[in-house]
Amino acid sequence: MWPLDSAALPGPTAYVEPNTPARLRAVFDDYVRRNNLKATQQRDTIVDLFLKSKGHMSIDDLLGRVRKKNPKVGYATVYRTLKLLTDCGIAAARQFGDGQTRFEVMEDHHHHDHLICTHCGLILEFENEHIERLQDEMATRLGFKLVRHKLELYGLCPKAAGVKNGPCPNEQRSR
């Protein structure tokens, strides 16, 4: 292991997702047509709400939002629709160590990493080119040809870590 001075790293930049639900909807509609699947109003509602979502959403989270529009939609329908969205490359399933699968919209396959609070469940996305370069350099140094990677950092948000007057970004978001 080599020492890494975190103060020497350039600061992370916020991950900003481009707003492209119409383009992604067209990709999904094309996928449905090419695979001879039938279009349904329930599936359309699920897809539209998922594409407008931000962050990481569980099946239960999405089901709650969908049922506000159509109370008759079931868990299995949401699950199958998310599977279709994942199969066609629009959604990515993520596991953050709590046993619950969350999904995020894959807009332009923009790479980002995650900070996860093990106390409150907050998931923050970030980008840092310096970290990306370090990972590439290490892979090259060790003779690896990278095909994909993910970086998930688990820890405590400032409040959970006991920082005096430390905020919990999860609580600030819900205000």
N, C-alpha and C. Protein backbone atom coordinates (compact mmCIF):
# COMPACT_ATOMS: atom_id res chain seq x y z
N MET A 1 0.85 -1.18 0.00
CA MET A 1 0.00 0.00 0.00
C MET A 1 0.89 1.24 0.00
N TRP A 2 0.53 2.23 -0.76
CA TRP A 2 1.32 3.45 -0.82
C TRP A 2 0.57 4.55 -0.10
N PRO A 3 1.29 5.47 0.52
CA PRO A 3 0.60 6.54 1.25
C PRO A 3 -0.07 7.50 0.28
N LEU A 4 -1.24 7.98 0.68
CA LEU A 4 -1.98 8.91 -0.15
C LEU A 4 -2.40 10.09 0.71
N ASP A 5 -1.90 11.26 0.40
CA ASP A 5 -2.24 12.46 1.14
C ASP A 5 -3.51 13.04 0.52
N SER A 6 -4.65 12.91 1.23
CA SER A 6 -5.92 13.36 0.67
C SER A 6 -5.94 14.87 0.42
N ALA A 7 -5.13 15.62 1.14
CA ALA A 7 -5.08 17.07 0.93
C ALA A 7 -4.49 17.41 -0.43
N ALA A 8 -3.70 16.48 -1.01
CA ALA A 8 -3.07 16.74 -2.29
C ALA A 8 -4.00 16.45 -3.47
N LEU A 9 -5.14 15.79 -3.19
CA LEU A 9 -6.06 15.46 -4.27
C LEU A 9 -6.87 16.67 -4.68
N PRO A 10 -7.09 16.84 -5.98
CA PRO A 10 -8.00 17.90 -6.40
C PRO A 10 -9.39 17.61 -5.85
N GLY A 11 -10.16 18.62 -5.57
CA GLY A 11 -11.49 18.43 -5.00
C GLY A 11 -12.44 17.75 -5.96
N PRO A 12 -13.39 16.97 -5.42
CA PRO A 12 -14.36 16.33 -6.27
C PRO A 12 -15.33 17.35 -6.84
N THR A 13 -15.86 17.05 -7.98
CA THR A 13 -16.87 17.92 -8.56
C THR A 13 -18.20 17.20 -8.47
N ALA A 14 -19.25 17.94 -8.31
CA ALA A 14 -20.58 17.33 -8.20
C ALA A 14 -20.95 16.65 -9.51
N TYR A 15 -21.60 15.54 -9.37
CA TYR A 15 -22.07 14.80 -10.54
C TYR A 15 -23.41 15.37 -10.95
N VAL A 16 -23.49 15.92 -12.13
CA VAL A 16 -24.73 16.52 -12.61
C VAL A 16 -25.25 15.66 -13.75
N GLU A 17 -26.46 15.13 -13.56
CA GLU A 17 -27.06 14.28 -14.57
C GLU A 17 -27.77 15.14 -15.62
N PRO A 18 -27.46 14.92 -16.89
CA PRO A 18 -28.19 15.66 -17.91
C PRO A 18 -29.65 15.21 -17.95
N ASN A 19 -30.53 16.12 -18.24
CA ASN A 19 -31.96 15.82 -18.25
C ASN A 19 -32.36 15.36 -19.65
N THR A 20 -32.37 14.04 -19.86
CA THR A 20 -32.67 13.52 -21.18
C THR A 20 -33.73 12.42 -21.16
N PRO A 21 -34.81 12.56 -20.40
CA PRO A 21 -35.79 11.48 -20.36
C PRO A 21 -36.44 11.19 -21.71
N ALA A 22 -36.63 12.21 -22.55
CA ALA A 22 -37.26 11.97 -23.85
C ALA A 22 -36.39 11.08 -24.74
N ARG A 23 -35.09 11.34 -24.74
CA ARG A 23 -34.18 10.51 -25.55
C ARG A 23 -34.14 9.09 -25.03
N LEU A 24 -34.07 8.93 -23.71
CA LEU A 24 -34.03 7.59 -23.13
C LEU A 24 -35.36 6.87 -23.32
N ARG A 25 -36.45 7.61 -23.30
CA ARG A 25 -37.77 7.01 -23.55
C ARG A 25 -37.82 6.45 -24.97
N ALA A 26 -37.25 7.18 -25.93
CA ALA A 26 -37.23 6.71 -27.32
C ALA A 26 -36.39 5.43 -27.43
N VAL A 27 -35.29 5.36 -26.70
CA VAL A 27 -34.45 4.16 -26.69
C VAL A 27 -35.25 2.98 -26.15
N PHE A 28 -35.98 3.21 -25.06
CA PHE A 28 -36.78 2.13 -24.47
C PHE A 28 -37.90 1.69 -25.43
N ASP A 29 -38.59 2.65 -26.02
CA ASP A 29 -39.66 2.30 -26.96
C ASP A 29 -39.13 1.48 -28.13
N ASP A 30 -37.96 1.84 -28.62
CA ASP A 30 -37.33 1.08 -29.71
C ASP A 30 -37.01 -0.35 -29.24
N TYR A 31 -36.50 -0.48 -28.02
CA TYR A 31 -36.18 -1.79 -27.45
C TYR A 31 -37.44 -2.67 -27.37
N VAL A 32 -38.54 -2.06 -26.92
CA VAL A 32 -39.81 -2.79 -26.80
C VAL A 32 -40.26 -3.27 -28.18
N ARG A 33 -40.18 -2.40 -29.18
CA ARG A 33 -40.58 -2.78 -30.55
C ARG A 33 -39.69 -3.89 -31.10
N ARG A 34 -38.37 -3.73 -30.97
CA ARG A 34 -37.43 -4.72 -31.52
C ARG A 34 -37.59 -6.09 -30.87
N ASN A 35 -38.05 -6.12 -29.62
CA ASN A 35 -38.20 -7.39 -28.91
C ASN A 35 -39.65 -7.89 -28.89
N ASN A 36 -40.48 -7.27 -29.71
CA ASN A 36 -41.88 -7.68 -29.85
C ASN A 36 -42.62 -7.76 -28.51
N LEU A 37 -42.35 -6.76 -27.66
CA LEU A 37 -43.04 -6.68 -26.38
C LEU A 37 -44.23 -5.74 -26.53
N LYS A 38 -45.26 -5.99 -25.76
CA LYS A 38 -46.41 -5.10 -25.89
C LYS A 38 -46.25 -3.88 -24.99
N ALA A 39 -46.74 -2.77 -25.48
CA ALA A 39 -46.71 -1.53 -24.70
C ALA A 39 -47.95 -1.51 -23.82
N THR A 40 -47.75 -1.11 -22.55
CA THR A 40 -48.89 -1.01 -21.63
C THR A 40 -48.86 0.33 -20.92
N GLN A 41 -50.03 0.76 -20.48
CA GLN A 41 -50.12 2.03 -19.77
C GLN A 41 -49.35 1.95 -18.44
N GLN A 42 -49.44 0.81 -17.76
CA GLN A 42 -48.72 0.67 -16.49
C GLN A 42 -47.22 0.79 -16.70
N ARG A 43 -46.70 0.09 -17.73
CA ARG A 43 -45.26 0.15 -18.01
C ARG A 43 -44.85 1.57 -18.38
N ASP A 44 -45.69 2.24 -19.17
CA ASP A 44 -45.38 3.62 -19.57
C ASP A 44 -45.26 4.52 -18.34
N THR A 45 -46.16 4.38 -17.39
CA THR A 45 -46.12 5.18 -16.17
C THR A 45 -44.83 4.91 -15.39
N ILE A 46 -44.49 3.64 -15.25
CA ILE A 46 -43.28 3.26 -14.52
C ILE A 46 -42.04 3.85 -15.19
N VAL A 47 -41.94 3.68 -16.50
CA VAL A 47 -40.77 4.17 -17.24
C VAL A 47 -40.67 5.68 -17.12
N ASP A 48 -41.77 6.38 -17.32
CA ASP A 48 -41.73 7.84 -17.26
C ASP A 48 -41.29 8.34 -15.88
N LEU A 49 -41.83 7.75 -14.82
CA LEU A 49 -41.45 8.18 -13.47
C LEU A 49 -40.00 7.82 -13.17
N PHE A 50 -39.56 6.66 -13.61
CA PHE A 50 -38.17 6.28 -13.37
C PHE A 50 -37.22 7.23 -14.10
N LEU A 51 -37.51 7.55 -15.35
CA LEU A 51 -36.61 8.41 -16.13
C LEU A 51 -36.55 9.83 -15.57
N LYS A 52 -37.56 10.25 -14.86
CA LYS A 52 -37.56 11.58 -14.25
C LYS A 52 -36.94 11.59 -12.86
N SER A 53 -36.61 10.41 -12.35
CA SER A 53 -36.06 10.32 -10.99
C SER A 53 -34.61 10.75 -10.96
N LYS A 54 -34.17 11.09 -9.78
CA LYS A 54 -32.77 11.45 -9.54
C LYS A 54 -32.21 10.52 -8.48
N GLY A 55 -30.97 10.19 -8.59
CA GLY A 55 -30.33 9.38 -7.56
C GLY A 55 -30.62 7.90 -7.73
N HIS A 56 -30.67 7.21 -6.61
CA HIS A 56 -30.78 5.75 -6.57
C HIS A 56 -32.12 5.36 -5.97
N MET A 57 -32.88 4.57 -6.70
CA MET A 57 -34.25 4.27 -6.32
C MET A 57 -34.45 2.77 -6.18
N SER A 58 -35.03 2.35 -5.06
CA SER A 58 -35.37 0.94 -4.88
C SER A 58 -36.69 0.65 -5.60
N ILE A 59 -37.00 -0.62 -5.74
CA ILE A 59 -38.27 -1.00 -6.34
C ILE A 59 -39.41 -0.43 -5.49
N ASP A 60 -39.29 -0.53 -4.18
CA ASP A 60 -40.33 0.01 -3.29
C ASP A 60 -40.49 1.52 -3.44
N ASP A 61 -39.37 2.24 -3.60
CA ASP A 61 -39.44 3.69 -3.80
C ASP A 61 -40.23 4.00 -5.07
N LEU A 62 -39.88 3.32 -6.15
CA LEU A 62 -40.55 3.56 -7.42
C LEU A 62 -42.01 3.14 -7.36
N LEU A 63 -42.28 2.00 -6.73
CA LEU A 63 -43.66 1.53 -6.59
C LEU A 63 -44.51 2.57 -5.86
N GLY A 64 -43.97 3.17 -4.81
CA GLY A 64 -44.71 4.21 -4.09
C GLY A 64 -45.07 5.38 -4.98
N ARG A 65 -44.14 5.80 -5.81
CA ARG A 65 -44.41 6.93 -6.72
C ARG A 65 -45.41 6.54 -7.79
N VAL A 66 -45.27 5.32 -8.31
CA VAL A 66 -46.16 4.85 -9.38
C VAL A 66 -47.58 4.73 -8.85
N ARG A 67 -47.74 4.22 -7.64
CA ARG A 67 -49.09 4.01 -7.08
C ARG A 67 -49.82 5.32 -6.81
N LYS A 68 -49.09 6.43 -6.72
CA LYS A 68 -49.76 7.72 -6.60
C LYS A 68 -50.48 8.07 -7.91
N LYS A 69 -49.95 7.56 -9.01
CA LYS A 69 -50.56 7.80 -10.33
C LYS A 69 -51.55 6.70 -10.70
N ASN A 70 -51.20 5.46 -10.31
CA ASN A 70 -52.04 4.32 -10.65
C ASN A 70 -51.95 3.29 -9.51
N PRO A 71 -52.91 3.30 -8.59
CA PRO A 71 -52.85 2.43 -7.41
C PRO A 71 -52.90 0.93 -7.74
N LYS A 72 -53.25 0.57 -8.95
CA LYS A 72 -53.39 -0.85 -9.29
C LYS A 72 -52.08 -1.50 -9.74
N VAL A 73 -51.03 -0.73 -9.91
CA VAL A 73 -49.75 -1.29 -10.35
C VAL A 73 -49.15 -2.11 -9.23
N GLY A 74 -48.67 -3.30 -9.56
CA GLY A 74 -48.11 -4.20 -8.56
C GLY A 74 -46.59 -4.21 -8.55
N TYR A 75 -46.04 -4.78 -7.49
CA TYR A 75 -44.60 -4.90 -7.30
C TYR A 75 -43.95 -5.63 -8.48
N ALA A 76 -44.56 -6.73 -8.91
CA ALA A 76 -43.98 -7.54 -9.99
C ALA A 76 -43.88 -6.75 -11.29
N THR A 77 -44.86 -5.90 -11.55
CA THR A 77 -44.83 -5.09 -12.78
C THR A 77 -43.68 -4.10 -12.73
N VAL A 78 -43.46 -3.48 -11.58
CA VAL A 78 -42.34 -2.55 -11.43
C VAL A 78 -41.03 -3.31 -11.57
N TYR A 79 -40.93 -4.46 -10.92
CA TYR A 79 -39.72 -5.29 -11.00
C TYR A 79 -39.41 -5.66 -12.46
N ARG A 80 -40.40 -6.16 -13.18
CA ARG A 80 -40.18 -6.58 -14.58
C ARG A 80 -39.81 -5.39 -15.47
N THR A 81 -40.42 -4.25 -15.21
CA THR A 81 -40.11 -3.06 -16.02
C THR A 81 -38.68 -2.59 -15.75
N LEU A 82 -38.25 -2.61 -14.50
CA LEU A 82 -36.86 -2.24 -14.19
C LEU A 82 -35.89 -3.23 -14.82
N LYS A 83 -36.27 -4.49 -14.88
CA LYS A 83 -35.42 -5.49 -15.55
C LYS A 83 -35.29 -5.15 -17.03
N LEU A 84 -36.38 -4.78 -17.67
CA LEU A 84 -36.32 -4.37 -19.08
C LEU A 84 -35.44 -3.14 -19.26
N LEU A 85 -35.59 -2.16 -18.38
CA LEU A 85 -34.78 -0.94 -18.46
C LEU A 85 -33.30 -1.27 -18.28
N THR A 86 -33.01 -2.22 -17.40
CA THR A 86 -31.62 -2.65 -17.20
C THR A 86 -31.10 -3.40 -18.42
N ASP A 87 -31.92 -4.30 -18.95
CA ASP A 87 -31.52 -5.09 -20.12
C ASP A 87 -31.21 -4.21 -21.33
N CYS A 88 -31.93 -3.10 -21.48
CA CYS A 88 -31.68 -2.25 -22.65
C CYS A 88 -30.66 -1.14 -22.35
N GLY A 89 -30.07 -1.16 -21.16
CA GLY A 89 -28.97 -0.24 -20.86
C GLY A 89 -29.37 1.11 -20.33
N ILE A 90 -30.64 1.30 -20.00
CA ILE A 90 -31.10 2.59 -19.51
C ILE A 90 -30.98 2.70 -18.00
N ALA A 91 -31.09 1.56 -17.31
CA ALA A 91 -30.99 1.54 -15.86
C ALA A 91 -29.80 0.67 -15.45
N ALA A 92 -29.24 0.99 -14.31
CA ALA A 92 -28.17 0.17 -13.73
C ALA A 92 -28.59 -0.21 -12.32
N ALA A 93 -28.45 -1.48 -12.01
CA ALA A 93 -28.74 -1.97 -10.67
C ALA A 93 -27.49 -1.80 -9.81
N ARG A 94 -27.67 -1.31 -8.61
CA ARG A 94 -26.55 -1.08 -7.69
C ARG A 94 -26.83 -1.75 -6.35
N GLN A 95 -25.80 -2.32 -5.77
CA GLN A 95 -25.86 -2.91 -4.43
C GLN A 95 -24.91 -2.10 -3.55
N PHE A 96 -25.42 -1.58 -2.46
CA PHE A 96 -24.59 -0.77 -1.57
C PHE A 96 -24.41 -1.40 -0.20
N GLY A 97 -24.48 -2.71 -0.14
CA GLY A 97 -24.15 -3.42 1.08
C GLY A 97 -25.25 -3.51 2.13
N ASP A 98 -26.45 -3.05 1.82
CA ASP A 98 -27.54 -3.14 2.80
C ASP A 98 -28.59 -4.16 2.40
N GLY A 99 -28.30 -4.94 1.36
CA GLY A 99 -29.21 -5.99 0.93
C GLY A 99 -30.34 -5.52 0.02
N GLN A 100 -30.38 -4.25 -0.29
CA GLN A 100 -31.45 -3.72 -1.14
C GLN A 100 -30.86 -3.25 -2.46
N THR A 101 -31.45 -3.69 -3.56
CA THR A 101 -31.01 -3.25 -4.88
C THR A 101 -31.62 -1.89 -5.18
N ARG A 102 -30.79 -1.00 -5.66
CA ARG A 102 -31.27 0.32 -6.09
C ARG A 102 -30.92 0.48 -7.56
N PHE A 103 -31.69 1.30 -8.23
CA PHE A 103 -31.51 1.51 -9.65
C PHE A 103 -31.27 2.98 -9.91
N GLU A 104 -30.43 3.25 -10.92
CA GLU A 104 -30.21 4.63 -11.33
C GLU A 104 -30.27 4.70 -12.85
N VAL A 105 -30.67 5.87 -13.33
CA VAL A 105 -30.75 6.11 -14.77
C VAL A 105 -29.34 6.22 -15.32
N MET A 106 -29.07 5.51 -16.40
CA MET A 106 -27.74 5.54 -17.04
C MET A 106 -27.77 6.51 -18.21
N GLU A 107 -27.61 7.77 -17.92
CA GLU A 107 -27.61 8.79 -18.96
C GLU A 107 -26.22 8.95 -19.52
N ASP A 108 -26.06 8.63 -20.78
CA ASP A 108 -24.79 8.75 -21.49
C ASP A 108 -23.68 7.93 -20.83
N HIS A 109 -24.05 6.95 -20.04
CA HIS A 109 -23.08 6.07 -19.37
C HIS A 109 -21.98 6.87 -18.70
N HIS A 110 -22.36 7.94 -18.05
CA HIS A 110 -21.42 8.84 -17.40
C HIS A 110 -20.91 8.19 -16.12
N HIS A 111 -19.61 7.98 -16.04
CA HIS A 111 -19.04 7.29 -14.89
C HIS A 111 -18.97 8.21 -13.67
N HIS A 112 -19.31 7.64 -12.52
CA HIS A 112 -19.18 8.35 -11.25
C HIS A 112 -18.96 7.32 -10.16
N ASP A 113 -18.54 7.78 -9.01
CA ASP A 113 -18.28 6.92 -7.87
C ASP A 113 -19.25 7.29 -6.75
N HIS A 114 -19.21 6.51 -5.65
CA HIS A 114 -20.19 6.68 -4.59
C HIS A 114 -19.56 6.75 -3.21
N LEU A 115 -20.13 7.63 -2.38
CA LEU A 115 -19.87 7.67 -0.94
C LEU A 115 -21.16 7.21 -0.27
N ILE A 116 -21.08 6.22 0.63
CA ILE A 116 -22.27 5.66 1.25
C ILE A 116 -22.13 5.75 2.77
N CYS A 117 -23.12 6.39 3.42
CA CYS A 117 -23.13 6.45 4.89
C CYS A 117 -23.75 5.16 5.41
N THR A 118 -22.98 4.43 6.21
CA THR A 118 -23.45 3.15 6.73
C THR A 118 -24.45 3.33 7.87
N HIS A 119 -24.63 4.57 8.33
CA HIS A 119 -25.58 4.83 9.42
C HIS A 119 -26.95 5.24 8.89
N CYS A 120 -26.98 6.27 8.04
CA CYS A 120 -28.27 6.80 7.58
C CYS A 120 -28.64 6.35 6.17
N GLY A 121 -27.70 5.72 5.45
CA GLY A 121 -28.01 5.22 4.12
C GLY A 121 -27.82 6.22 2.99
N LEU A 122 -27.35 7.42 3.31
CA LEU A 122 -27.11 8.43 2.28
C LEU A 122 -26.14 7.90 1.23
N ILE A 123 -26.45 8.17 -0.04
CA ILE A 123 -25.56 7.81 -1.14
C ILE A 123 -25.26 9.10 -1.91
N LEU A 124 -24.00 9.48 -1.93
CA LEU A 124 -23.57 10.66 -2.69
C LEU A 124 -22.75 10.21 -3.88
N GLU A 125 -22.99 10.81 -5.01
CA GLU A 125 -22.21 10.54 -6.21
C GLU A 125 -21.16 11.63 -6.36
N PHE A 126 -20.00 11.23 -6.87
CA PHE A 126 -18.95 12.21 -7.11
C PHE A 126 -18.07 11.76 -8.27
N GLU A 127 -17.35 12.72 -8.81
CA GLU A 127 -16.36 12.47 -9.85
C GLU A 127 -15.05 13.08 -9.41
N ASN A 128 -13.96 12.44 -9.75
CA ASN A 128 -12.65 13.01 -9.48
C ASN A 128 -11.66 12.42 -10.49
N GLU A 129 -11.23 13.23 -11.41
CA GLU A 129 -10.34 12.76 -12.48
C GLU A 129 -9.01 12.24 -11.94
N HIS A 130 -8.54 12.82 -10.87
CA HIS A 130 -7.27 12.38 -10.29
C HIS A 130 -7.39 10.94 -9.79
N ILE A 131 -8.48 10.63 -9.11
CA ILE A 131 -8.70 9.26 -8.64
C ILE A 131 -8.80 8.31 -9.84
N GLU A 132 -9.50 8.73 -10.89
CA GLU A 132 -9.63 7.88 -12.08
C GLU A 132 -8.25 7.59 -12.69
N ARG A 133 -7.40 8.62 -12.76
CA ARG A 133 -6.05 8.42 -13.31
C ARG A 133 -5.24 7.47 -12.43
N LEU A 134 -5.35 7.64 -11.10
CA LEU A 134 -4.63 6.75 -10.19
C LEU A 134 -5.05 5.29 -10.37
N GLN A 135 -6.33 5.06 -10.54
CA GLN A 135 -6.82 3.69 -10.75
C GLN A 135 -6.25 3.12 -12.06
N ASP A 136 -6.27 3.92 -13.10
CA ASP A 136 -5.72 3.48 -14.39
C ASP A 136 -4.23 3.19 -14.28
N GLU A 137 -3.51 4.08 -13.58
CA GLU A 137 -2.06 3.87 -13.41
C GLU A 137 -1.77 2.58 -12.64
N MET A 138 -2.54 2.32 -11.59
CA MET A 138 -2.33 1.10 -10.80
C MET A 138 -2.61 -0.14 -11.63
N ALA A 139 -3.67 -0.11 -12.41
CA ALA A 139 -4.00 -1.25 -13.25
C ALA A 139 -2.88 -1.50 -14.25
N THR A 140 -2.40 -0.45 -14.88
CA THR A 140 -1.31 -0.58 -15.85
C THR A 140 -0.06 -1.12 -15.17
N ARG A 141 0.29 -0.56 -14.03
CA ARG A 141 1.47 -0.99 -13.30
C ARG A 141 1.41 -2.47 -12.94
N LEU A 142 0.21 -2.97 -12.65
CA LEU A 142 0.04 -4.37 -12.27
C LEU A 142 -0.32 -5.28 -13.45
N GLY A 143 -0.29 -4.71 -14.66
CA GLY A 143 -0.51 -5.50 -15.87
C GLY A 143 -1.97 -5.81 -16.17
N PHE A 144 -2.89 -5.06 -15.60
CA PHE A 144 -4.31 -5.28 -15.84
C PHE A 144 -4.81 -4.41 -16.98
N LYS A 145 -5.67 -4.97 -17.81
CA LYS A 145 -6.41 -4.19 -18.80
C LYS A 145 -7.82 -4.03 -18.25
N LEU A 146 -8.16 -2.84 -17.82
CA LEU A 146 -9.46 -2.60 -17.21
C LEU A 146 -10.57 -2.71 -18.25
N VAL A 147 -11.64 -3.37 -17.86
CA VAL A 147 -12.84 -3.41 -18.70
C VAL A 147 -13.97 -2.64 -18.05
N ARG A 148 -13.95 -2.54 -16.72
CA ARG A 148 -14.90 -1.71 -15.98
C ARG A 148 -14.43 -1.65 -14.53
N HIS A 149 -14.99 -0.71 -13.79
CA HIS A 149 -14.68 -0.63 -12.37
C HIS A 149 -15.76 0.17 -11.67
N LYS A 150 -15.79 0.04 -10.35
CA LYS A 150 -16.65 0.88 -9.54
C LYS A 150 -15.92 1.16 -8.23
N LEU A 151 -16.14 2.36 -7.74
CA LEU A 151 -15.54 2.75 -6.47
C LEU A 151 -16.67 3.13 -5.53
N GLU A 152 -16.77 2.40 -4.44
CA GLU A 152 -17.77 2.68 -3.41
C GLU A 152 -17.02 2.87 -2.10
N LEU A 153 -17.18 4.03 -1.51
CA LEU A 153 -16.53 4.34 -0.25
C LEU A 153 -17.59 4.35 0.85
N TYR A 154 -17.42 3.50 1.85
CA TYR A 154 -18.37 3.38 2.94
C TYR A 154 -17.82 4.08 4.18
N GLY A 155 -18.67 4.85 4.82
CA GLY A 155 -18.25 5.58 6.01
C GLY A 155 -19.44 6.21 6.68
N LEU A 156 -19.18 7.30 7.40
CA LEU A 156 -20.22 8.00 8.13
C LEU A 156 -20.31 9.45 7.67
N CYS A 157 -21.53 9.93 7.47
CA CYS A 157 -21.71 11.34 7.16
C CYS A 157 -21.29 12.15 8.39
N PRO A 158 -21.11 13.46 8.28
CA PRO A 158 -20.61 14.24 9.42
C PRO A 158 -21.43 14.05 10.70
N LYS A 159 -22.75 14.02 10.60
CA LYS A 159 -23.59 13.86 11.79
C LYS A 159 -23.38 12.48 12.41
N ALA A 160 -23.40 11.45 11.59
CA ALA A 160 -23.23 10.09 12.10
C ALA A 160 -21.83 9.88 12.67
N ALA A 161 -20.85 10.63 12.17
CA ALA A 161 -19.48 10.51 12.66
C ALA A 161 -19.27 11.25 13.97
N GLY A 162 -20.29 11.99 14.42
CA GLY A 162 -20.20 12.70 15.68
C GLY A 162 -19.53 14.05 15.59
N VAL A 163 -19.42 14.60 14.39
CA VAL A 163 -18.85 15.94 14.23
C VAL A 163 -19.80 16.94 14.88
N LYS A 164 -19.27 17.78 15.76
CA LYS A 164 -20.09 18.75 16.45
C LYS A 164 -20.83 19.62 15.44
N ASN A 165 -22.14 19.70 15.56
CA ASN A 165 -23.01 20.43 14.63
C ASN A 165 -22.87 19.91 13.20
N GLY A 166 -22.38 18.71 13.05
CA GLY A 166 -22.20 18.13 11.71
C GLY A 166 -23.54 17.83 11.06
N PRO A 167 -23.69 18.28 9.84
CA PRO A 167 -24.96 18.05 9.16
C PRO A 167 -25.03 16.63 8.57
N CYS A 168 -26.24 16.16 8.41
CA CYS A 168 -26.47 14.94 7.65
C CYS A 168 -27.08 15.37 6.34
N PRO A 169 -26.36 15.24 5.22
CA PRO A 169 -26.91 15.65 3.94
C PRO A 169 -28.25 14.98 3.62
N ASN A 170 -28.47 13.78 4.15
CA ASN A 170 -29.73 13.08 3.92
C ASN A 170 -30.89 13.84 4.54
N GLU A 171 -30.69 14.40 5.73
CA GLU A 171 -31.73 15.18 6.40
C GLU A 171 -31.93 16.52 5.69
N GLN A 172 -30.86 17.12 5.21
CA GLN A 172 -30.96 18.41 4.53
C GLN A 172 -31.74 18.28 3.22
N ARG A 173 -31.59 17.13 2.53
CA ARG A 173 -32.30 16.91 1.27
C ARG A 173 -33.81 16.81 1.48
N SER A 174 -34.24 16.27 2.62
CA SER A 174 -35.66 16.03 2.83
C SER A 174 -36.41 17.27 3.32
N ARG A 175 -35.71 18.35 3.54
CA ARG A 175 -36.36 19.58 4.01
C ARG A 175 -37.04 20.30 2.89
